[in-house]
Amino acid sequence: MSMQNLNNKNGIAVLRILFFAMMFGQIAFICIIGWLRTRPDYSQNFTDNKMLLGAIALVSALAVLLAFKLYASKIKLAQEAGATQEKVTIYKTGNIIRWAILEAMVLLNLIMFFVMGDFNFMLFGLAAFLIFLSTMPTGQRAMRELGLGDIENP
């Protein structure tokens, strides 16, 4: 399968559209939370709860690890698949699972920031967002991860 075929409407292009939709949704959520926090009628409910902060940090770290572990297992499964189209389908599924978990961590931390007022939650959310950004799909990355040569017959 050539890079051009992998990037077509049935390949990475669909994943890129989904990735950018999820990315812009997270950016919009960050902006809305920031705007709401600056409003004069916002009452800060900050409580110094180190236990909750630690629990959310732990859940976030474990979720990131889980996202990448599940993705790695899907990639291994895809590499063992026979037909190229089957490999691409499994690759898409792995990416969607990973992005859903990462996006959930971004949103959880931003909601906690909004509710609790602790800026650490915003930092955790932004860190998860940067990790999410690092997973943007490209044809080259897909071909490398799936073990596809420049041209492969399905």
N, C-alpha and C. Protein backbone atom coordinates (compact mmCIF):
# COMPACT_ATOMS: atom_id res chain seq x y z
N MET A 1 0.86 -1.18 0.00
CA MET A 1 0.00 0.00 0.00
C MET A 1 0.89 1.23 0.00
N SER A 2 0.62 2.16 -0.87
CA SER A 2 1.45 3.36 -0.95
C SER A 2 0.96 4.38 0.06
N MET A 3 1.81 5.37 0.30
CA MET A 3 1.46 6.45 1.22
C MET A 3 0.20 7.16 0.74
N GLN A 4 0.08 7.36 -0.56
CA GLN A 4 -1.10 8.04 -1.13
C GLN A 4 -2.37 7.25 -0.81
N ASN A 5 -2.33 5.93 -0.96
CA ASN A 5 -3.50 5.11 -0.68
C ASN A 5 -3.85 5.13 0.80
N LEU A 6 -2.84 5.17 1.66
CA LEU A 6 -3.09 5.19 3.10
C LEU A 6 -3.71 6.51 3.52
N ASN A 7 -3.38 7.59 2.84
CA ASN A 7 -3.90 8.91 3.18
C ASN A 7 -5.26 9.20 2.57
N ASN A 8 -5.81 8.27 1.78
CA ASN A 8 -7.08 8.55 1.11
C ASN A 8 -8.24 8.58 2.09
N LYS A 9 -9.45 8.73 1.57
CA LYS A 9 -10.64 8.91 2.41
C LYS A 9 -10.90 7.73 3.33
N ASN A 10 -10.40 6.55 3.00
CA ASN A 10 -10.61 5.38 3.85
C ASN A 10 -9.47 5.17 4.82
N GLY A 11 -8.46 6.00 4.75
CA GLY A 11 -7.28 5.81 5.58
C GLY A 11 -7.13 6.87 6.65
N ILE A 12 -5.99 7.51 6.62
CA ILE A 12 -5.61 8.44 7.66
C ILE A 12 -6.41 9.75 7.61
N ALA A 13 -6.91 10.13 6.46
CA ALA A 13 -7.66 11.38 6.35
C ALA A 13 -8.85 11.41 7.31
N VAL A 14 -9.54 10.31 7.43
CA VAL A 14 -10.68 10.22 8.36
C VAL A 14 -10.20 10.38 9.79
N LEU A 15 -9.09 9.75 10.12
CA LEU A 15 -8.54 9.87 11.47
C LEU A 15 -8.12 11.30 11.76
N ARG A 16 -7.53 11.96 10.79
CA ARG A 16 -7.09 13.34 10.99
C ARG A 16 -8.30 14.26 11.24
N ILE A 17 -9.39 14.04 10.53
CA ILE A 17 -10.59 14.83 10.76
C ILE A 17 -11.10 14.62 12.18
N LEU A 18 -11.15 13.39 12.61
CA LEU A 18 -11.60 13.09 13.97
C LEU A 18 -10.65 13.70 15.00
N PHE A 19 -9.35 13.57 14.76
CA PHE A 19 -8.35 14.12 15.68
C PHE A 19 -8.55 15.63 15.83
N PHE A 20 -8.67 16.34 14.70
CA PHE A 20 -8.82 17.79 14.76
C PHE A 20 -10.14 18.20 15.39
N ALA A 21 -11.20 17.45 15.16
CA ALA A 21 -12.48 17.73 15.81
C ALA A 21 -12.35 17.61 17.32
N MET A 22 -11.70 16.55 17.78
CA MET A 22 -11.50 16.36 19.21
C MET A 22 -10.59 17.46 19.77
N MET A 23 -9.55 17.81 19.03
CA MET A 23 -8.62 18.84 19.48
C MET A 23 -9.34 20.19 19.62
N PHE A 24 -10.11 20.58 18.61
CA PHE A 24 -10.81 21.86 18.67
C PHE A 24 -11.87 21.86 19.77
N GLY A 25 -12.50 20.72 20.02
CA GLY A 25 -13.44 20.62 21.12
C GLY A 25 -12.77 20.88 22.46
N GLN A 26 -11.58 20.33 22.64
CA GLN A 26 -10.85 20.55 23.88
C GLN A 26 -10.40 22.00 24.01
N ILE A 27 -9.96 22.58 22.90
CA ILE A 27 -9.55 23.99 22.93
C ILE A 27 -10.75 24.87 23.28
N ALA A 28 -11.90 24.59 22.69
CA ALA A 28 -13.11 25.36 23.00
C ALA A 28 -13.46 25.23 24.48
N PHE A 29 -13.35 24.02 25.01
CA PHE A 29 -13.65 23.81 26.42
C PHE A 29 -12.68 24.58 27.31
N ILE A 30 -11.41 24.58 26.96
CA ILE A 30 -10.41 25.34 27.72
C ILE A 30 -10.78 26.83 27.71
N CYS A 31 -11.14 27.34 26.55
CA CYS A 31 -11.51 28.76 26.43
C CYS A 31 -12.76 29.09 27.25
N ILE A 32 -13.75 28.23 27.19
CA ILE A 32 -14.99 28.46 27.95
C ILE A 32 -14.71 28.46 29.45
N ILE A 33 -13.93 27.49 29.90
CA ILE A 33 -13.59 27.44 31.34
C ILE A 33 -12.81 28.69 31.73
N GLY A 34 -11.85 29.09 30.92
CA GLY A 34 -11.09 30.31 31.21
C GLY A 34 -11.98 31.53 31.27
N TRP A 35 -12.90 31.64 30.32
CA TRP A 35 -13.82 32.78 30.30
C TRP A 35 -14.73 32.77 31.53
N LEU A 36 -15.27 31.61 31.87
CA LEU A 36 -16.16 31.53 33.04
C LEU A 36 -15.42 31.87 34.33
N ARG A 37 -14.16 31.47 34.41
CA ARG A 37 -13.39 31.73 35.63
C ARG A 37 -13.07 33.22 35.79
N THR A 38 -13.06 33.98 34.71
CA THR A 38 -12.74 35.40 34.81
C THR A 38 -13.97 36.27 35.02
N ARG A 39 -15.14 35.69 34.95
CA ARG A 39 -16.37 36.47 35.13
C ARG A 39 -16.46 36.95 36.58
N PRO A 40 -16.95 38.17 36.78
CA PRO A 40 -17.04 38.70 38.15
C PRO A 40 -18.03 37.95 39.03
N ASP A 41 -19.03 37.30 38.43
CA ASP A 41 -20.02 36.58 39.23
C ASP A 41 -19.59 35.14 39.55
N TYR A 42 -18.38 34.77 39.15
CA TYR A 42 -17.89 33.42 39.47
C TYR A 42 -17.44 33.40 40.91
N SER A 43 -17.95 32.44 41.68
CA SER A 43 -17.50 32.29 43.06
C SER A 43 -16.56 31.10 43.13
N GLN A 44 -15.41 31.36 43.67
CA GLN A 44 -14.39 30.30 43.73
C GLN A 44 -14.70 29.39 44.91
N ASN A 45 -14.75 28.10 44.63
CA ASN A 45 -15.04 27.11 45.66
C ASN A 45 -13.77 26.37 46.07
N PHE A 46 -12.66 27.06 46.04
CA PHE A 46 -11.38 26.40 46.29
C PHE A 46 -11.32 25.89 47.73
N THR A 47 -11.00 24.64 47.83
CA THR A 47 -10.69 24.05 49.13
C THR A 47 -9.35 23.35 48.97
N ASP A 48 -8.55 23.44 49.97
CA ASP A 48 -7.21 22.86 49.91
C ASP A 48 -7.32 21.37 50.22
N ASN A 49 -7.60 20.60 49.20
CA ASN A 49 -7.78 19.17 49.37
C ASN A 49 -6.67 18.43 48.63
N LYS A 50 -5.58 18.22 49.32
CA LYS A 50 -4.40 17.57 48.73
C LYS A 50 -4.71 16.11 48.34
N MET A 51 -5.59 15.48 49.10
CA MET A 51 -5.95 14.09 48.81
C MET A 51 -6.65 13.99 47.45
N LEU A 52 -7.59 14.88 47.21
CA LEU A 52 -8.30 14.89 45.93
C LEU A 52 -7.36 15.22 44.79
N LEU A 53 -6.49 16.19 45.00
CA LEU A 53 -5.51 16.56 43.98
C LEU A 53 -4.62 15.36 43.65
N GLY A 54 -4.15 14.67 44.67
CA GLY A 54 -3.32 13.48 44.45
C GLY A 54 -4.07 12.37 43.74
N ALA A 55 -5.33 12.18 44.12
CA ALA A 55 -6.13 11.12 43.50
C ALA A 55 -6.36 11.42 42.01
N ILE A 56 -6.69 12.66 41.69
CA ILE A 56 -6.91 13.03 40.29
C ILE A 56 -5.61 12.93 39.50
N ALA A 57 -4.50 13.34 40.10
CA ALA A 57 -3.20 13.22 39.43
C ALA A 57 -2.87 11.75 39.16
N LEU A 58 -3.14 10.88 40.13
CA LEU A 58 -2.89 9.46 39.95
C LEU A 58 -3.80 8.87 38.88
N VAL A 59 -5.07 9.21 38.92
CA VAL A 59 -6.01 8.72 37.91
C VAL A 59 -5.58 9.20 36.52
N SER A 60 -5.15 10.44 36.42
CA SER A 60 -4.71 10.99 35.13
C SER A 60 -3.50 10.23 34.60
N ALA A 61 -2.52 10.01 35.47
CA ALA A 61 -1.31 9.30 35.05
C ALA A 61 -1.63 7.86 34.65
N LEU A 62 -2.47 7.20 35.42
CA LEU A 62 -2.85 5.82 35.09
C LEU A 62 -3.65 5.77 33.78
N ALA A 63 -4.48 6.76 33.56
CA ALA A 63 -5.27 6.80 32.32
C ALA A 63 -4.38 6.99 31.11
N VAL A 64 -3.37 7.84 31.22
CA VAL A 64 -2.43 8.03 30.11
C VAL A 64 -1.69 6.73 29.84
N LEU A 65 -1.24 6.06 30.90
CA LEU A 65 -0.57 4.77 30.72
C LEU A 65 -1.50 3.75 30.08
N LEU A 66 -2.74 3.70 30.54
CA LEU A 66 -3.72 2.78 29.98
C LEU A 66 -3.98 3.08 28.50
N ALA A 67 -4.10 4.35 28.17
CA ALA A 67 -4.35 4.74 26.78
C ALA A 67 -3.23 4.24 25.86
N PHE A 68 -2.00 4.42 26.28
CA PHE A 68 -0.88 4.00 25.43
C PHE A 68 -0.69 2.49 25.44
N LYS A 69 -1.02 1.83 26.55
CA LYS A 69 -0.93 0.36 26.60
C LYS A 69 -1.98 -0.26 25.68
N LEU A 70 -3.21 0.23 25.73
CA LEU A 70 -4.25 -0.28 24.85
C LEU A 70 -3.90 -0.01 23.39
N TYR A 71 -3.34 1.15 23.12
CA TYR A 71 -2.94 1.49 21.76
C TYR A 71 -1.84 0.52 21.29
N ALA A 72 -0.87 0.27 22.14
CA ALA A 72 0.23 -0.65 21.78
C ALA A 72 -0.31 -2.05 21.50
N SER A 73 -1.30 -2.49 22.27
CA SER A 73 -1.85 -3.82 22.03
C SER A 73 -2.61 -3.85 20.70
N LYS A 74 -3.29 -2.75 20.35
CA LYS A 74 -3.98 -2.69 19.05
C LYS A 74 -2.97 -2.67 17.90
N ILE A 75 -1.87 -1.96 18.07
CA ILE A 75 -0.85 -1.90 17.03
C ILE A 75 -0.25 -3.29 16.82
N LYS A 76 0.01 -3.99 17.91
CA LYS A 76 0.55 -5.36 17.79
C LYS A 76 -0.44 -6.25 17.04
N LEU A 77 -1.70 -6.13 17.39
CA LEU A 77 -2.75 -6.89 16.71
C LEU A 77 -2.81 -6.52 15.22
N ALA A 78 -2.68 -5.23 14.94
CA ALA A 78 -2.72 -4.77 13.54
C ALA A 78 -1.53 -5.30 12.76
N GLN A 79 -0.37 -5.32 13.36
CA GLN A 79 0.82 -5.82 12.67
C GLN A 79 0.69 -7.29 12.32
N GLU A 80 -0.04 -8.03 13.15
CA GLU A 80 -0.22 -9.47 12.91
C GLU A 80 -1.36 -9.75 11.93
N ALA A 81 -2.17 -8.75 11.64
CA ALA A 81 -3.30 -8.94 10.72
C ALA A 81 -2.78 -9.20 9.31
N GLY A 82 -3.60 -9.87 8.52
CA GLY A 82 -3.18 -10.23 7.17
C GLY A 82 -3.33 -9.11 6.16
N ALA A 83 -4.54 -8.71 5.88
CA ALA A 83 -4.80 -7.73 4.83
C ALA A 83 -4.49 -6.31 5.32
N THR A 84 -4.04 -5.49 4.41
CA THR A 84 -3.69 -4.12 4.75
C THR A 84 -4.90 -3.35 5.26
N GLN A 85 -6.05 -3.53 4.64
CA GLN A 85 -7.25 -2.81 5.07
C GLN A 85 -7.61 -3.19 6.51
N GLU A 86 -7.43 -4.44 6.87
CA GLU A 86 -7.69 -4.88 8.24
C GLU A 86 -6.72 -4.20 9.20
N LYS A 87 -5.46 -4.08 8.79
CA LYS A 87 -4.46 -3.39 9.62
C LYS A 87 -4.86 -1.94 9.86
N VAL A 88 -5.30 -1.27 8.80
CA VAL A 88 -5.70 0.14 8.91
C VAL A 88 -6.92 0.28 9.81
N THR A 89 -7.86 -0.63 9.70
CA THR A 89 -9.06 -0.57 10.54
C THR A 89 -8.69 -0.72 12.02
N ILE A 90 -7.82 -1.66 12.33
CA ILE A 90 -7.39 -1.86 13.71
C ILE A 90 -6.61 -0.64 14.19
N TYR A 91 -5.79 -0.08 13.31
CA TYR A 91 -5.02 1.13 13.63
C TYR A 91 -5.96 2.29 13.99
N LYS A 92 -7.01 2.46 13.21
CA LYS A 92 -8.00 3.51 13.49
C LYS A 92 -8.64 3.30 14.86
N THR A 93 -9.03 2.06 15.13
CA THR A 93 -9.66 1.74 16.41
C THR A 93 -8.73 2.06 17.57
N GLY A 94 -7.47 1.68 17.44
CA GLY A 94 -6.48 1.95 18.49
C GLY A 94 -6.33 3.44 18.76
N ASN A 95 -6.28 4.23 17.69
CA ASN A 95 -6.16 5.67 17.86
C ASN A 95 -7.39 6.26 18.53
N ILE A 96 -8.57 5.84 18.12
CA ILE A 96 -9.80 6.38 18.70
C ILE A 96 -9.88 6.06 20.19
N ILE A 97 -9.51 4.86 20.57
CA ILE A 97 -9.51 4.48 21.99
C ILE A 97 -8.54 5.36 22.77
N ARG A 98 -7.34 5.50 22.24
CA ARG A 98 -6.31 6.31 22.92
C ARG A 98 -6.78 7.76 23.05
N TRP A 99 -7.33 8.33 21.99
CA TRP A 99 -7.77 9.72 22.04
C TRP A 99 -8.93 9.91 23.02
N ALA A 100 -9.84 8.97 23.05
CA ALA A 100 -10.99 9.09 23.96
C ALA A 100 -10.53 9.13 25.42
N ILE A 101 -9.59 8.29 25.76
CA ILE A 101 -9.07 8.26 27.15
C ILE A 101 -8.32 9.54 27.45
N LEU A 102 -7.48 10.00 26.53
CA LEU A 102 -6.72 11.23 26.75
C LEU A 102 -7.65 12.44 26.85
N GLU A 103 -8.66 12.49 25.98
CA GLU A 103 -9.60 13.59 26.03
C GLU A 103 -10.38 13.59 27.35
N ALA A 104 -10.74 12.43 27.83
CA ALA A 104 -11.45 12.33 29.11
C ALA A 104 -10.59 12.92 30.24
N MET A 105 -9.28 12.67 30.20
CA MET A 105 -8.40 13.22 31.24
C MET A 105 -8.28 14.73 31.13
N VAL A 106 -8.23 15.24 29.92
CA VAL A 106 -8.20 16.70 29.74
C VAL A 106 -9.46 17.31 30.34
N LEU A 107 -10.60 16.77 29.97
CA LEU A 107 -11.87 17.34 30.42
C LEU A 107 -12.06 17.17 31.93
N LEU A 108 -11.69 16.03 32.48
CA LEU A 108 -11.81 15.82 33.93
C LEU A 108 -10.99 16.86 34.69
N ASN A 109 -9.76 17.07 34.27
CA ASN A 109 -8.91 18.03 34.97
C ASN A 109 -9.41 19.46 34.82
N LEU A 110 -9.94 19.80 33.65
CA LEU A 110 -10.46 21.15 33.48
C LEU A 110 -11.73 21.37 34.31
N ILE A 111 -12.56 20.35 34.39
CA ILE A 111 -13.75 20.46 35.24
C ILE A 111 -13.35 20.61 36.70
N MET A 112 -12.35 19.84 37.12
CA MET A 112 -11.87 19.95 38.51
C MET A 112 -11.29 21.34 38.76
N PHE A 113 -10.58 21.88 37.79
CA PHE A 113 -10.06 23.24 37.92
C PHE A 113 -11.20 24.23 38.09
N PHE A 114 -12.23 24.08 37.28
CA PHE A 114 -13.37 24.98 37.34
C PHE A 114 -14.08 24.89 38.69
N VAL A 115 -14.29 23.68 39.17
CA VAL A 115 -15.03 23.47 40.41
C VAL A 115 -14.19 23.82 41.63
N MET A 116 -12.94 23.35 41.66
CA MET A 116 -12.11 23.50 42.85
C MET A 116 -11.29 24.79 42.86
N GLY A 117 -10.94 25.29 41.68
CA GLY A 117 -10.15 26.51 41.62
C GLY A 117 -8.66 26.29 41.79
N ASP A 118 -8.22 25.05 41.89
CA ASP A 118 -6.80 24.74 42.07
C ASP A 118 -6.13 24.72 40.70
N PHE A 119 -5.16 25.60 40.51
CA PHE A 119 -4.50 25.73 39.22
C PHE A 119 -3.74 24.47 38.81
N ASN A 120 -3.41 23.60 39.76
CA ASN A 120 -2.73 22.34 39.44
C ASN A 120 -3.57 21.49 38.49
N PHE A 121 -4.88 21.54 38.66
CA PHE A 121 -5.76 20.78 37.76
C PHE A 121 -5.64 21.30 36.32
N MET A 122 -5.53 22.61 36.18
CA MET A 122 -5.34 23.19 34.85
C MET A 122 -4.03 22.70 34.25
N LEU A 123 -2.99 22.64 35.06
CA LEU A 123 -1.69 22.16 34.57
C LEU A 123 -1.77 20.69 34.15
N PHE A 124 -2.45 19.86 34.94
CA PHE A 124 -2.62 18.45 34.57
C PHE A 124 -3.39 18.33 33.26
N GLY A 125 -4.44 19.15 33.13
CA GLY A 125 -5.24 19.13 31.90
C GLY A 125 -4.43 19.56 30.69
N LEU A 126 -3.63 20.59 30.84
CA LEU A 126 -2.80 21.04 29.73
C LEU A 126 -1.73 20.01 29.38
N ALA A 127 -1.19 19.33 30.38
CA ALA A 127 -0.21 18.26 30.11
C ALA A 127 -0.87 17.14 29.32
N ALA A 128 -2.07 16.75 29.72
CA ALA A 128 -2.80 15.70 28.98
C ALA A 128 -3.11 16.17 27.57
N PHE A 129 -3.42 17.45 27.41
CA PHE A 129 -3.70 17.99 26.08
C PHE A 129 -2.46 17.94 25.19
N LEU A 130 -1.31 18.27 25.75
CA LEU A 130 -0.06 18.20 24.98
C LEU A 130 0.25 16.76 24.57
N ILE A 131 -0.02 15.82 25.46
CA ILE A 131 0.17 14.41 25.12
C ILE A 131 -0.78 14.04 23.98
N PHE A 132 -2.03 14.49 24.08
CA PHE A 132 -3.00 14.26 23.01
C PHE A 132 -2.48 14.80 21.69
N LEU A 133 -1.96 16.03 21.69
CA LEU A 133 -1.45 16.64 20.46
C LEU A 133 -0.31 15.83 19.85
N SER A 134 0.48 15.19 20.69
CA SER A 134 1.63 14.43 20.19
C SER A 134 1.22 13.17 19.44
N THR A 135 -0.06 12.83 19.47
CA THR A 135 -0.52 11.59 18.83
C THR A 135 -1.19 11.84 17.48
N MET A 136 -1.01 13.03 16.92
CA MET A 136 -1.65 13.34 15.64
C MET A 136 -1.25 12.32 14.57
N PRO A 137 -2.23 11.77 13.87
CA PRO A 137 -1.92 10.73 12.88
C PRO A 137 -1.33 11.30 11.59
N THR A 138 -0.37 10.59 11.05
CA THR A 138 0.18 10.91 9.74
C THR A 138 0.33 9.59 8.98
N GLY A 139 0.39 9.70 7.68
CA GLY A 139 0.57 8.50 6.86
C GLY A 139 1.89 7.81 7.16
N GLN A 140 2.95 8.59 7.32
CA GLN A 140 4.26 8.01 7.62
C GLN A 140 4.25 7.26 8.94
N ARG A 141 3.65 7.88 9.96
CA ARG A 141 3.59 7.24 11.28
C ARG A 141 2.80 5.93 11.19
N ALA A 142 1.69 5.96 10.48
CA ALA A 142 0.86 4.76 10.34
C ALA A 142 1.64 3.65 9.64
N MET A 143 2.31 4.00 8.57
CA MET A 143 3.07 2.98 7.82
C MET A 143 4.19 2.41 8.68
N ARG A 144 4.85 3.27 9.44
CA ARG A 144 5.92 2.80 10.32
C ARG A 144 5.37 1.89 11.42
N GLU A 145 4.30 2.33 12.08
CA GLU A 145 3.75 1.56 13.19
C GLU A 145 3.12 0.25 12.74
N LEU A 146 2.56 0.24 11.54
CA LEU A 146 1.93 -0.98 11.03
C LEU A 146 2.92 -1.90 10.34
N GLY A 147 4.14 -1.43 10.15
CA GLY A 147 5.15 -2.26 9.49
C GLY A 147 4.89 -2.42 8.01
N LEU A 148 4.29 -1.40 7.40
CA LEU A 148 4.01 -1.46 5.98
C LEU A 148 5.19 -0.86 5.22
N GLY A 149 5.56 -1.52 4.12
CA GLY A 149 6.59 -0.96 3.27
C GLY A 149 5.99 0.14 2.42
N ASP A 150 6.79 0.67 1.49
CA ASP A 150 6.28 1.72 0.61
C ASP A 150 5.12 1.20 -0.24
N ILE A 151 5.23 -0.05 -0.67
CA ILE A 151 4.14 -0.63 -1.45
C ILE A 151 3.92 -2.05 -0.93
N GLU A 152 2.67 -2.33 -0.63
CA GLU A 152 2.32 -3.66 -0.16
C GLU A 152 1.02 -4.05 -0.83
N ASN A 153 0.90 -5.25 -1.27
CA ASN A 153 -0.34 -5.72 -1.89
C ASN A 153 -1.27 -6.22 -0.82
N PRO A 154 -2.54 -5.76 -0.81
CA PRO A 154 -3.49 -6.23 0.22
C PRO A 154 -3.87 -7.67 0.02
